């Protein structure tokens, strides 16, 4: 009986960690372009090369 309890302990820990990951919050979808631009700024400004370095 003790061996069974010791074998079940790692399984219980893995299952508990897996279930803890299910409670993570946040959007489960990609925002549309307008909403993303409002939140993160325009993409062109972030990816455009800086002309002052040339």
C-alpha atoms as a PDB file:
ATOM      1  CA  UNK A   1       0.000   0.000   0.000  1.00  0.00           C
ATOM      2  CA  UNK A   2       2.855   2.366   0.807  1.00  0.00           C
ATOM      3  CA  UNK A   3       4.454   1.706  -2.592  1.00  0.00           C
ATOM      4  CA  UNK A   4       1.195   2.645  -4.343  1.00  0.00           C
ATOM      5  CA  UNK A   5       0.997   5.913  -2.417  1.00  0.00           C
ATOM      6  CA  UNK A   6       4.582   6.791  -3.355  1.00  0.00           C
ATOM      7  CA  UNK A   7       3.910   6.001  -7.006  1.00  0.00           C
ATOM      8  CA  UNK A   8       0.781   8.164  -7.038  1.00  0.00           C
ATOM      9  CA  UNK A   9       2.532  11.211  -5.559  1.00  0.00           C
ATOM     10  CA  UNK A  10       4.419  12.284  -8.735  1.00  0.00           C
ATOM     11  CA  UNK A  11       1.280  11.737 -10.804  1.00  0.00           C
ATOM     12  CA  UNK A  12      -0.737  13.903  -8.426  1.00  0.00           C
ATOM     13  CA  UNK A  13       1.894  16.654  -8.590  1.00  0.00           C
ATOM     14  CA  UNK A  14       1.935  16.649 -12.400  1.00  0.00           C
ATOM     15  CA  UNK A  15      -1.849  16.786 -12.526  1.00  0.00           C
ATOM     16  CA  UNK A  16      -1.950  19.650 -10.005  1.00  0.00           C
ATOM     17  CA  UNK A  17       0.560  21.653 -12.035  1.00  0.00           C
ATOM     18  CA  UNK A  18      -1.402  20.994 -15.210  1.00  0.00           C
ATOM     19  CA  UNK A  19      -4.627  22.169 -13.632  1.00  0.00           C
ATOM     20  CA  UNK A  20      -2.920  25.274 -12.254  1.00  0.00           C
ATOM     21  CA  UNK A  21      -2.023  26.250 -15.819  1.00  0.00           C
ATOM     22  CA  UNK A  22      -5.694  26.151 -16.793  1.00  0.00           C
ATOM     23  CA  UNK A  23      -6.408  29.177 -14.623  1.00  0.00           C
ATOM     24  CA  UNK A  24      -4.143  31.535 -16.538  1.00  0.00           C
ATOM     25  CA  UNK A  25      -5.983  34.654 -17.643  1.00  0.00           C
ATOM     26  CA  UNK A  26      -5.622  36.656 -20.797  1.00  0.00           C
ATOM     27  CA  UNK A  27      -7.096  36.938 -24.237  1.00  0.00           C
ATOM     28  CA  UNK A  28      -7.418  33.684 -26.114  1.00  0.00           C
ATOM     29  CA  UNK A  29      -7.648  35.465 -29.469  1.00  0.00           C
ATOM     30  CA  UNK A  30      -5.545  37.849 -31.499  1.00  0.00           C
ATOM     31  CA  UNK A  31      -6.855  41.429 -31.409  1.00  0.00           C
ATOM     32  CA  UNK A  32      -7.761  43.038 -34.711  1.00  0.00           C
ATOM     33  CA  UNK A  33      -5.304  45.487 -36.252  1.00  0.00           C
ATOM     34  CA  UNK A  34      -7.001  48.645 -34.951  1.00  0.00           C
ATOM     35  CA  UNK A  35      -7.232  47.362 -31.396  1.00  0.00           C
ATOM     36  CA  UNK A  36      -3.604  46.201 -31.458  1.00  0.00           C
ATOM     37  CA  UNK A  37      -2.453  49.565 -32.845  1.00  0.00           C
ATOM     38  CA  UNK A  38      -4.223  51.371 -30.003  1.00  0.00           C
ATOM     39  CA  UNK A  39      -2.649  49.166 -27.366  1.00  0.00           C
ATOM     40  CA  UNK A  40       0.849  48.650 -28.768  1.00  0.00           C
ATOM     41  CA  UNK A  41       1.349  51.551 -31.167  1.00  0.00           C
ATOM     42  CA  UNK A  42       1.835  51.408 -34.918  1.00  0.00           C
ATOM     43  CA  UNK A  43       3.937  48.540 -36.195  1.00  0.00           C
ATOM     44  CA  UNK A  44       5.832  50.679 -38.707  1.00  0.00           C
ATOM     45  CA  UNK A  45       7.375  52.815 -35.970  1.00  0.00           C
ATOM     46  CA  UNK A  46       8.660  49.764 -34.133  1.00  0.00           C
ATOM     47  CA  UNK A  47      10.126  47.959 -37.141  1.00  0.00           C
ATOM     48  CA  UNK A  48      11.326  50.845 -39.298  1.00  0.00           C
ATOM     49  CA  UNK A  49      15.102  51.377 -39.353  1.00  0.00           C
ATOM     50  CA  UNK A  50      16.385  54.476 -37.649  1.00  0.00           C
ATOM     51  CA  UNK A  51      17.726  56.912 -40.267  1.00  0.00           C
ATOM     52  CA  UNK A  52      19.858  58.806 -37.751  1.00  0.00           C
ATOM     53  CA  UNK A  53      22.367  55.935 -37.534  1.00  0.00           C
ATOM     54  CA  UNK A  54      23.448  56.109 -41.192  1.00  0.00           C
END
